[in-house]
Amino acid sequence: MSRYNITFAEIGTTITVPRGTRIVEVAEKVGASITFGCKENDCGDCMIEVLQGAENLSSPSVLETGLLKQKFARPGIRLACQAMVLGDVTVKPA
């Protein structure tokens, strides 16, 4: 199985994960300062800014896109509970 790097810019930590890992699955484990609520695309608390590698995340679902619009999220913002790693990526809390 392919493995890729997630870099959490605010804490300077990079972790290698299997392809398809959701960012929420590792953010808490490494101490990233990303806020989490429901972890199921309902609250929008886990918004992250993708600094590099946006093309290396899964495409946003219709539900994620709708919630981000409700939250007036700017371009480059994703939900950590929904974004799956498909390549190297660098993120920080939004």
PDB file of N, CA and C in Angstrom:
ATOM      1  N   MET A   1       0.839  -1.177   0.000  1.00  0.00           N
ATOM      2  CA  MET A   1       0.000   0.000   0.000  1.00  0.00           C
ATOM      3  C   MET A   1       0.888   1.245   0.000  1.00  0.00           C
ATOM      4  N   SER A   2       0.517   2.224  -0.780  1.00  0.00           N
ATOM      5  CA  SER A   2       1.275   3.476  -0.867  1.00  0.00           C
ATOM      6  C   SER A   2       1.157   4.255   0.434  1.00  0.00           C
ATOM      7  N   ARG A   3       2.236   4.994   0.763  1.00  0.00           N
ATOM      8  CA  ARG A   3       2.260   5.814   1.971  1.00  0.00           C
ATOM      9  C   ARG A   3       2.689   7.221   1.588  1.00  0.00           C
ATOM     10  N   TYR A   4       2.093   8.205   2.267  1.00  0.00           N
ATOM     11  CA  TYR A   4       2.360   9.608   1.953  1.00  0.00           C
ATOM     12  C   TYR A   4       2.528  10.410   3.236  1.00  0.00           C
ATOM     13  N   ASN A   5       3.081  11.610   3.087  1.00  0.00           N
ATOM     14  CA  ASN A   5       3.343  12.479   4.232  1.00  0.00           C
ATOM     15  C   ASN A   5       2.256  13.527   4.411  1.00  0.00           C
ATOM     16  N   ILE A   6       1.827  13.688   5.664  1.00  0.00           N
ATOM     17  CA  ILE A   6       1.003  14.830   6.063  1.00  0.00           C
ATOM     18  C   ILE A   6       1.899  15.685   6.943  1.00  0.00           C
ATOM     19  N   THR A   7       2.065  16.948   6.574  1.00  0.00           N
ATOM     20  CA  THR A   7       2.816  17.878   7.408  1.00  0.00           C
ATOM     21  C   THR A   7       1.828  18.825   8.068  1.00  0.00           C
ATOM     22  N   PHE A   8       1.907  18.900   9.380  1.00  0.00           N
ATOM     23  CA  PHE A   8       1.092  19.830  10.165  1.00  0.00           C
ATOM     24  C   PHE A   8       1.963  21.046  10.427  1.00  0.00           C
ATOM     25  N   ALA A   9       1.779  22.080   9.616  1.00  0.00           N
ATOM     26  CA  ALA A   9       2.681  23.234   9.595  1.00  0.00           C
ATOM     27  C   ALA A   9       2.770  23.954  10.931  1.00  0.00           C
ATOM     28  N   GLU A  10       1.664  24.050  11.667  1.00  0.00           N
ATOM     29  CA  GLU A  10       1.672  24.840  12.896  1.00  0.00           C
ATOM     30  C   GLU A  10       2.518  24.219  13.997  1.00  0.00           C
ATOM     31  N   ILE A  11       2.770  22.905  13.920  1.00  0.00           N
ATOM     32  CA  ILE A  11       3.609  22.263  14.935  1.00  0.00           C
ATOM     33  C   ILE A  11       4.890  21.685  14.335  1.00  0.00           C
ATOM     34  N   GLY A  12       5.063  21.844  13.019  1.00  0.00           N
ATOM     35  CA  GLY A  12       6.283  21.381  12.367  1.00  0.00           C
ATOM     36  C   GLY A  12       6.471  19.877  12.404  1.00  0.00           C
ATOM     37  N   THR A  13       5.375  19.137  12.351  1.00  0.00           N
ATOM     38  CA  THR A  13       5.429  17.679  12.426  1.00  0.00           C
ATOM     39  C   THR A  13       4.953  17.066  11.120  1.00  0.00           C
ATOM     40  N   THR A  14       5.710  16.078  10.646  1.00  0.00           N
ATOM     41  CA  THR A  14       5.326  15.322   9.455  1.00  0.00           C
ATOM     42  C   THR A  14       5.153  13.868   9.859  1.00  0.00           C
ATOM     43  N   ILE A  15       4.072  13.269   9.394  1.00  0.00           N
ATOM     44  CA  ILE A  15       3.805  11.866   9.683  1.00  0.00           C
ATOM     45  C   ILE A  15       3.478  11.157   8.371  1.00  0.00           C
ATOM     46  N   THR A  16       3.936   9.932   8.237  1.00  0.00           N
ATOM     47  CA  THR A  16       3.680   9.127   7.045  1.00  0.00           C
ATOM     48  C   THR A  16       2.480   8.231   7.310  1.00  0.00           C
ATOM     49  N   VAL A  17       1.538   8.253   6.371  1.00  0.00           N
ATOM     50  CA  VAL A  17       0.280   7.513   6.542  1.00  0.00           C
ATOM     51  C   VAL A  17      -0.046   6.734   5.272  1.00  0.00           C
ATOM     52  N   PRO A  18      -0.863   5.690   5.383  1.00  0.00           N
ATOM     53  CA  PRO A  18      -1.312   4.967   4.192  1.00  0.00           C
ATOM     54  C   PRO A  18      -2.250   5.825   3.350  1.00  0.00           C
ATOM     55  N   ARG A  19      -2.238   5.581   2.065  1.00  0.00           N
ATOM     56  CA  ARG A  19      -3.166   6.252   1.146  1.00  0.00           C
ATOM     57  C   ARG A  19      -4.593   6.051   1.648  1.00  0.00           C
ATOM     58  N   GLY A  20      -5.396   7.112   1.604  1.00  0.00           N
ATOM     59  CA  GLY A  20      -6.790   7.030   2.013  1.00  0.00           C
ATOM     60  C   GLY A  20      -7.044   7.385   3.469  1.00  0.00           C
ATOM     61  N   THR A  21      -5.985   7.683   4.223  1.00  0.00           N
ATOM     62  CA  THR A  21      -6.152   8.081   5.625  1.00  0.00           C
ATOM     63  C   THR A  21      -6.815   9.449   5.693  1.00  0.00           C
ATOM     64  N   ARG A  22      -7.824   9.588   6.544  1.00  0.00           N
ATOM     65  CA  ARG A  22      -8.432  10.899   6.757  1.00  0.00           C
ATOM     66  C   ARG A  22      -7.545  11.696   7.713  1.00  0.00           C
ATOM     67  N   ILE A  23      -7.384  12.973   7.451  1.00  0.00           N
ATOM     68  CA  ILE A  23      -6.508  13.819   8.261  1.00  0.00           C
ATOM     69  C   ILE A  23      -6.926  13.798   9.724  1.00  0.00           C
ATOM     70  N   VAL A  24      -8.213  13.747   9.996  1.00  0.00           N
ATOM     71  CA  VAL A  24      -8.713  13.701  11.369  1.00  0.00           C
ATOM     72  C   VAL A  24      -8.144  12.509  12.138  1.00  0.00           C
ATOM     73  N   GLU A  25      -7.859  11.411  11.447  1.00  0.00           N
ATOM     74  CA  GLU A  25      -7.389  10.191  12.094  1.00  0.00           C
ATOM     75  C   GLU A  25      -6.024  10.356  12.746  1.00  0.00           C
ATOM     76  N   VAL A  26      -5.210  11.270  12.254  1.00  0.00           N
ATOM     77  CA  VAL A  26      -3.861  11.424  12.803  1.00  0.00           C
ATOM     78  C   VAL A  26      -3.620  12.766  13.485  1.00  0.00           C
ATOM     79  N   ALA A  27      -4.438  13.754  13.199  1.00  0.00           N
ATOM     80  CA  ALA A  27      -4.206  15.096  13.743  1.00  0.00           C
ATOM     81  C   ALA A  27      -4.181  15.102  15.268  1.00  0.00           C
ATOM     82  N   GLU A  28      -5.131  14.445  15.885  1.00  0.00           N
ATOM     83  CA  GLU A  28      -5.169  14.399  17.348  1.00  0.00           C
ATOM     84  C   GLU A  28      -3.976  13.639  17.909  1.00  0.00           C
ATOM     85  N   LYS A  29      -3.587  12.568  17.251  1.00  0.00           N
ATOM     86  CA  LYS A  29      -2.488  11.730  17.739  1.00  0.00           C
ATOM     87  C   LYS A  29      -1.164  12.473  17.786  1.00  0.00           C
ATOM     88  N   VAL A  30      -0.957  13.400  16.847  1.00  0.00           N
ATOM     89  CA  VAL A  30       0.319  14.124  16.799  1.00  0.00           C
ATOM     90  C   VAL A  30       0.259  15.463  17.527  1.00  0.00           C
ATOM     91  N   GLY A  31      -0.898  15.809  18.074  1.00  0.00           N
ATOM     92  CA  GLY A  31      -1.024  17.054  18.821  1.00  0.00           C
ATOM     93  C   GLY A  31      -1.238  18.288  17.972  1.00  0.00           C
ATOM     94  N   ALA A  32      -1.750  18.097  16.757  1.00  0.00           N
ATOM     95  CA  ALA A  32      -2.057  19.251  15.903  1.00  0.00           C
ATOM     96  C   ALA A  32      -3.187  20.046  16.540  1.00  0.00           C
ATOM     97  N   SER A  33      -3.147  21.351  16.374  1.00  0.00           N
ATOM     98  CA  SER A  33      -4.145  22.209  17.034  1.00  0.00           C
ATOM     99  C   SER A  33      -5.382  22.425  16.165  1.00  0.00           C
ATOM    100  N   ILE A  34      -5.870  21.353  15.586  1.00  0.00           N
ATOM    101  CA  ILE A  34      -7.088  21.388  14.776  1.00  0.00           C
ATOM    102  C   ILE A  34      -8.259  21.041  15.691  1.00  0.00           C
ATOM    103  N   THR A  35      -9.267  21.892  15.708  1.00  0.00           N
ATOM    104  CA  THR A  35     -10.446  21.675  16.548  1.00  0.00           C
ATOM    105  C   THR A  35     -11.344  20.627  15.902  1.00  0.00           C
ATOM    106  N   PHE A  36     -11.878  19.730  16.716  1.00  0.00           N
ATOM    107  CA  PHE A  36     -12.788  18.706  16.214  1.00  0.00           C
ATOM    108  C   PHE A  36     -14.085  18.728  16.992  1.00  0.00           C
ATOM    109  N   GLY A  37     -15.168  18.474  16.286  1.00  0.00           N
ATOM    110  CA  GLY A  37     -16.475  18.360  16.925  1.00  0.00           C
ATOM    111  C   GLY A  37     -17.031  16.985  16.643  1.00  0.00           C
ATOM    112  N   CYS A  38     -17.856  16.898  15.616  1.00  0.00           N
ATOM    113  CA  CYS A  38     -18.582  15.667  15.309  1.00  0.00           C
ATOM    114  C   CYS A  38     -17.746  14.620  14.578  1.00  0.00           C
ATOM    115  N   LYS A  39     -16.752  15.042  13.812  1.00  0.00           N
ATOM    116  CA  LYS A  39     -15.917  14.167  12.973  1.00  0.00           C
ATOM    117  C   LYS A  39     -16.721  13.468  11.877  1.00  0.00           C
ATOM    118  N   GLU A  40     -17.886  14.033  11.532  1.00  0.00           N
ATOM    119  CA  GLU A  40     -18.766  13.395  10.548  1.00  0.00           C
ATOM    120  C   GLU A  40     -19.370  14.366   9.543  1.00  0.00           C
ATOM    121  N   ASN A  41     -18.741  15.503   9.296  1.00  0.00           N
ATOM    122  CA  ASN A  41     -19.215  16.456   8.295  1.00  0.00           C
ATOM    123  C   ASN A  41     -20.509  17.160   8.701  1.00  0.00           C
ATOM    124  N   ASP A  42     -20.755  17.299   9.998  1.00  0.00           N
ATOM    125  CA  ASP A  42     -21.965  17.987  10.444  1.00  0.00           C
ATOM    126  C   ASP A  42     -21.697  19.378  11.007  1.00  0.00           C
ATOM    127  N   CYS A  43     -20.544  19.582  11.654  1.00  0.00           N
ATOM    128  CA  CYS A  43     -20.346  20.830  12.398  1.00  0.00           C
ATOM    129  C   CYS A  43     -19.409  21.832  11.719  1.00  0.00           C
ATOM    130  N   GLY A  44     -18.437  21.360  10.973  1.00  0.00           N
ATOM    131  CA  GLY A  44     -17.485  22.263  10.324  1.00  0.00           C
ATOM    132  C   GLY A  44     -16.372  22.747  11.227  1.00  0.00           C
ATOM    133  N   ASP A  45     -16.277  22.218  12.448  1.00  0.00           N
ATOM    134  CA  ASP A  45     -15.233  22.660  13.380  1.00  0.00           C
ATOM    135  C   ASP A  45     -13.821  22.338  12.902  1.00  0.00           C
ATOM    136  N   CYS A  46     -13.659  21.299  12.119  1.00  0.00           N
ATOM    137  CA  CYS A  46     -12.324  20.819  11.759  1.00  0.00           C
ATOM    138  C   CYS A  46     -11.798  21.405  10.443  1.00  0.00           C
ATOM    139  N   MET A  47     -12.156  22.645  10.165  1.00  0.00           N
ATOM    140  CA  MET A  47     -11.668  23.259   8.928  1.00  0.00           C
ATOM    141  C   MET A  47     -10.150  23.421   8.980  1.00  0.00           C
ATOM    142  N   ILE A  48      -9.512  23.044   7.885  1.00  0.00           N
ATOM    143  CA  ILE A  48      -8.067  23.184   7.739  1.00  0.00           C
ATOM    144  C   ILE A  48      -7.778  23.968   6.467  1.00  0.00           C
ATOM    145  N   GLU A  49      -6.640  24.625   6.460  1.00  0.00           N
ATOM    146  CA  GLU A  49      -6.165  25.288   5.250  1.00  0.00           C
ATOM    147  C   GLU A  49      -5.106  24.395   4.634  1.00  0.00           C
ATOM    148  N   VAL A  50      -5.255  24.100   3.363  1.00  0.00           N
ATOM    149  CA  VAL A  50      -4.284  23.274   2.655  1.00  0.00           C
ATOM    150  C   VAL A  50      -3.227  24.209   2.080  1.00  0.00           C
ATOM    151  N   LEU A  51      -2.015  24.118   2.618  1.00  0.00           N
ATOM    152  CA  LEU A  51      -0.927  24.996   2.195  1.00  0.00           C
ATOM    153  C   LEU A  51      -0.218  24.464   0.960  1.00  0.00           C
ATOM    154  N   GLN A  52      -0.088  23.154   0.869  1.00  0.00           N
ATOM    155  CA  GLN A  52       0.533  22.501  -0.291  1.00  0.00           C
ATOM    156  C   GLN A  52      -0.140  21.156  -0.505  1.00  0.00           C
ATOM    157  N   GLY A  53      -0.267  20.779  -1.763  1.00  0.00           N
ATOM    158  CA  GLY A  53      -0.756  19.453  -2.096  1.00  0.00           C
ATOM    159  C   GLY A  53      -2.264  19.287  -2.128  1.00  0.00           C
ATOM    160  N   ALA A  54      -3.003  20.349  -2.382  1.00  0.00           N
ATOM    161  CA  ALA A  54      -4.469  20.233  -2.442  1.00  0.00           C
ATOM    162  C   ALA A  54      -4.894  19.167  -3.445  1.00  0.00           C
ATOM    163  N   GLU A  55      -4.119  19.017  -4.501  1.00  0.00           N
ATOM    164  CA  GLU A  55      -4.430  18.015  -5.520  1.00  0.00           C
ATOM    165  C   GLU A  55      -4.209  16.597  -5.001  1.00  0.00           C
ATOM    166  N   ASN A  56      -3.560  16.474  -3.846  1.00  0.00           N
ATOM    167  CA  ASN A  56      -3.266  15.168  -3.255  1.00  0.00           C
ATOM    168  C   ASN A  56      -4.258  14.770  -2.170  1.00  0.00           C
ATOM    169  N   LEU A  57      -5.402  15.444  -2.144  1.00  0.00           N
ATOM    170  CA  LEU A  57      -6.488  15.077  -1.238  1.00  0.00           C
ATOM    171  C   LEU A  57      -7.675  14.600  -2.064  1.00  0.00           C
ATOM    172  N   SER A  58      -8.511  13.782  -1.450  1.00  0.00           N
ATOM    173  CA  SER A  58      -9.736  13.346  -2.119  1.00  0.00           C
ATOM    174  C   SER A  58     -10.570  14.565  -2.490  1.00  0.00           C
ATOM    175  N   SER A  59     -11.365  14.430  -3.524  1.00  0.00           N
ATOM    176  CA  SER A  59     -12.248  15.528  -3.927  1.00  0.00           C
ATOM    177  C   SER A  59     -13.312  15.741  -2.860  1.00  0.00           C
ATOM    178  N   PRO A  60     -13.693  16.998  -2.613  1.00  0.00           N
ATOM    179  CA  PRO A  60     -14.745  17.242  -1.625  1.00  0.00           C
ATOM    180  C   PRO A  60     -16.082  16.666  -2.093  1.00  0.00           C
ATOM    181  N   SER A  61     -16.803  16.070  -1.171  1.00  0.00           N
ATOM    182  CA  SER A  61     -18.139  15.556  -1.487  1.00  0.00           C
ATOM    183  C   SER A  61     -19.114  16.722  -1.595  1.00  0.00           C
ATOM    184  N   VAL A  62     -20.287  16.447  -2.096  1.00  0.00           N
ATOM    185  CA  VAL A  62     -21.337  17.461  -2.174  1.00  0.00           C
ATOM    186  C   VAL A  62     -21.665  17.970  -0.770  1.00  0.00           C
ATOM    187  N   LEU A  63     -21.711  17.068   0.208  1.00  0.00           N
ATOM    188  CA  LEU A  63     -22.016  17.463   1.587  1.00  0.00           C
ATOM    189  C   LEU A  63     -20.930  18.363   2.166  1.00  0.00           C
ATOM    190  N   GLU A  64     -19.660  18.006   1.932  1.00  0.00           N
ATOM    191  CA  GLU A  64     -18.564  18.842   2.432  1.00  0.00           C
ATOM    192  C   GLU A  64     -18.600  20.217   1.777  1.00  0.00           C
ATOM    193  N   THR A  65     -18.775  20.249   0.472  1.00  0.00           N
ATOM    194  CA  THR A  65     -18.836  21.524  -0.248  1.00  0.00           C
ATOM    195  C   THR A  65     -19.972  22.392   0.286  1.00  0.00           C
ATOM    196  N   GLY A  66     -21.123  21.785   0.532  1.00  0.00           N
ATOM    197  CA  GLY A  66     -22.264  22.523   1.063  1.00  0.00           C
ATOM    198  C   GLY A  66     -21.990  23.104   2.438  1.00  0.00           C
ATOM    199  N   LEU A  67     -21.371  22.316   3.316  1.00  0.00           N
ATOM    200  CA  LEU A  67     -21.073  22.797   4.661  1.00  0.00           C
ATOM    201  C   LEU A  67     -20.038  23.917   4.624  1.00  0.00           C
ATOM    202  N   LEU A  68     -19.032  23.782   3.764  1.00  0.00           N
ATOM    203  CA  LEU A  68     -18.019  24.838   3.651  1.00  0.00           C
ATOM    204  C   LEU A  68     -18.644  26.139   3.149  1.00  0.00           C
ATOM    205  N   LYS A  69     -19.602  26.034   2.241  1.00  0.00           N
ATOM    206  CA  LYS A  69     -20.307  27.234   1.769  1.00  0.00           C
ATOM    207  C   LYS A  69     -21.104  27.872   2.897  1.00  0.00           C
ATOM    208  N   GLN A  70     -21.774  27.046   3.706  1.00  0.00           N
ATOM    209  CA  GLN A  70     -22.537  27.566   4.849  1.00  0.00           C
ATOM    210  C   GLN A  70     -21.632  28.306   5.835  1.00  0.00           C
ATOM    211  N   LYS A  71     -20.394  27.838   5.958  1.00  0.00           N
ATOM    212  CA  LYS A  71     -19.434  28.427   6.899  1.00  0.00           C
ATOM    213  C   LYS A  71     -18.644  29.572   6.263  1.00  0.00           C
ATOM    214  N   PHE A  72     -18.970  29.904   5.008  1.00  0.00           N
ATOM    215  CA  PHE A  72     -18.280  30.970   4.269  1.00  0.00           C
ATOM    216  C   PHE A  72     -16.770  30.726   4.196  1.00  0.00           C
ATOM    217  N   ALA A  73     -16.397  29.467   4.006  1.00  0.00           N
ATOM    218  CA  ALA A  73     -14.981  29.105   3.928  1.00  0.00           C
ATOM    219  C   ALA A  73     -14.374  29.631   2.634  1.00  0.00           C
ATOM    220  N   ARG A  74     -13.172  30.138   2.734  1.00  0.00           N
ATOM    221  CA  ARG A  74     -12.469  30.645   1.557  1.00  0.00           C
ATOM    222  C   ARG A  74     -11.861  29.472   0.773  1.00  0.00           C
ATOM    223  N   PRO A  75     -11.437  29.711  -0.456  1.00  0.00           N
ATOM    224  CA  PRO A  75     -10.804  28.648  -1.249  1.00  0.00           C
ATOM    225  C   PRO A  75      -9.588  28.077  -0.511  1.00  0.00           C
ATOM    226  N   GLY A  76      -9.359  26.796  -0.683  1.00  0.00           N
ATOM    227  CA  GLY A  76      -8.225  26.138  -0.041  1.00  0.00           C
ATOM    228  C   GLY A  76      -8.544  25.568   1.326  1.00  0.00           C
ATOM    229  N   ILE A  77      -9.799  25.708   1.755  1.00  0.00           N
ATOM    230  CA  ILE A  77     -10.222  25.171   3.049  1.00  0.00           C
ATOM    231  C   ILE A  77     -10.911  23.828   2.832  1.00  0.00           C
ATOM    232  N   ARG A  78     -10.565  22.869   3.679  1.00  0.00           N
ATOM    233  CA  ARG A  78     -11.197  21.548   3.660  1.00  0.00           C
ATOM    234  C   ARG A  78     -11.581  21.160   5.075  1.00  0.00           C
ATOM    235  N   LEU A  79     -12.349  20.097   5.199  1.00  0.00           N
ATOM    236  CA  LEU A  79     -12.678  19.533   6.502  1.00  0.00           C
ATOM    237  C   LEU A  79     -11.746  18.357   6.753  1.00  0.00           C
ATOM    238  N   ALA A  80     -11.056  18.376   7.889  1.00  0.00           N
ATOM    239  CA  ALA A  80     -10.113  17.305   8.216  1.00  0.00           C
ATOM    240  C   ALA A  80     -10.812  15.957   8.355  1.00  0.00           C
ATOM    241  N   CYS A  81     -12.094  15.980   8.706  1.00  0.00           N
ATOM    242  CA  CYS A  81     -12.836  14.726   8.857  1.00  0.00           C
ATOM    243  C   CYS A  81     -13.209  14.108   7.514  1.00  0.00           C
ATOM    244  N   GLN A  82     -13.094  14.866   6.444  1.00  0.00           N
ATOM    245  CA  GLN A  82     -13.495  14.384   5.122  1.00  0.00           C
ATOM    246  C   GLN A  82     -12.325  14.200   4.161  1.00  0.00           C
ATOM    247  N   ALA A  83     -11.275  14.988   4.312  1.00  0.00           N
ATOM    248  CA  ALA A  83     -10.155  14.971   3.369  1.00  0.00           C
ATOM    249  C   ALA A  83      -9.299  13.721   3.567  1.00  0.00           C
ATOM    250  N   MET A  84      -9.209  12.908   2.517  1.00  0.00           N
ATOM    251  CA  MET A  84      -8.380  11.705   2.551  1.00  0.00           C
ATOM    252  C   MET A  84      -7.088  11.954   1.786  1.00  0.00           C
ATOM    253  N   VAL A  85      -5.995  11.468   2.341  1.00  0.00           N
ATOM    254  CA  VAL A  85      -4.667  11.684   1.779  1.00  0.00           C
ATOM    255  C   VAL A  85      -4.440  10.742   0.596  1.00  0.00           C
ATOM    256  N   LEU A  86      -4.095  11.348  -0.557  1.00  0.00           N
ATOM    257  CA  LEU A  86      -3.785  10.584  -1.771  1.00  0.00           C
ATOM    258  C   LEU A  86      -2.374  10.883  -2.252  1.00  0.00           C
ATOM    259  N   GLY A  87      -1.656  11.724  -1.507  1.00  0.00           N
ATOM    260  CA  GLY A  87      -0.295  12.141  -1.826  1.00  0.00           C
ATOM    261  C   GLY A  87       0.172  13.072  -0.720  1.00  0.00           C
ATOM    262  N   ASP A  88       1.386  13.578  -0.833  1.00  0.00           N
ATOM    263  CA  ASP A  88       1.936  14.460   0.199  1.00  0.00           C
ATOM    264  C   ASP A  88       1.138  15.755   0.299  1.00  0.00           C
ATOM    265  N   VAL A  89       0.923  16.210   1.536  1.00  0.00           N
ATOM    266  CA  VAL A  89       0.109  17.397   1.782  1.00  0.00           C
ATOM    267  C   VAL A  89       0.612  18.127   3.026  1.00  0.00           C
ATOM    268  N   THR A  90       0.461  19.455   3.015  1.00  0.00           N
ATOM    269  CA  THR A  90       0.788  20.286   4.176  1.00  0.00           C
ATOM    270  C   THR A  90      -0.453  21.075   4.544  1.00  0.00           C
ATOM    271  N   VAL A  91      -0.822  21.019   5.833  1.00  0.00           N
ATOM    272  CA  VAL A  91      -2.044  21.676   6.299  1.00  0.00           C
ATOM    273  C   VAL A  91      -1.784  22.443   7.587  1.00  0.00           C
ATOM    274  N   LYS A  92      -2.731  23.334   7.911  1.00  0.00           N
ATOM    275  CA  LYS A  92      -2.737  24.019   9.204  1.00  0.00           C
ATOM    276  C   LYS A  92      -4.188  24.311   9.557  1.00  0.00           C
ATOM    277  N   PRO A  93      -4.477  24.596  10.828  1.00  0.00           N
ATOM    278  CA  PRO A  93      -5.853  24.942  11.192  1.00  0.00           C
ATOM    279  C   PRO A  93      -6.307  26.177  10.430  1.00  0.00           C
ATOM    280  N   ALA A  94      -7.578  26.204  10.045  1.00  0.00           N
ATOM    281  CA  ALA A  94      -8.102  27.372   9.318  1.00  0.00           C
ATOM    282  C   ALA A  94      -8.530  28.451  10.291  1.00  0.00           C
TER     283      ALA A  94
END
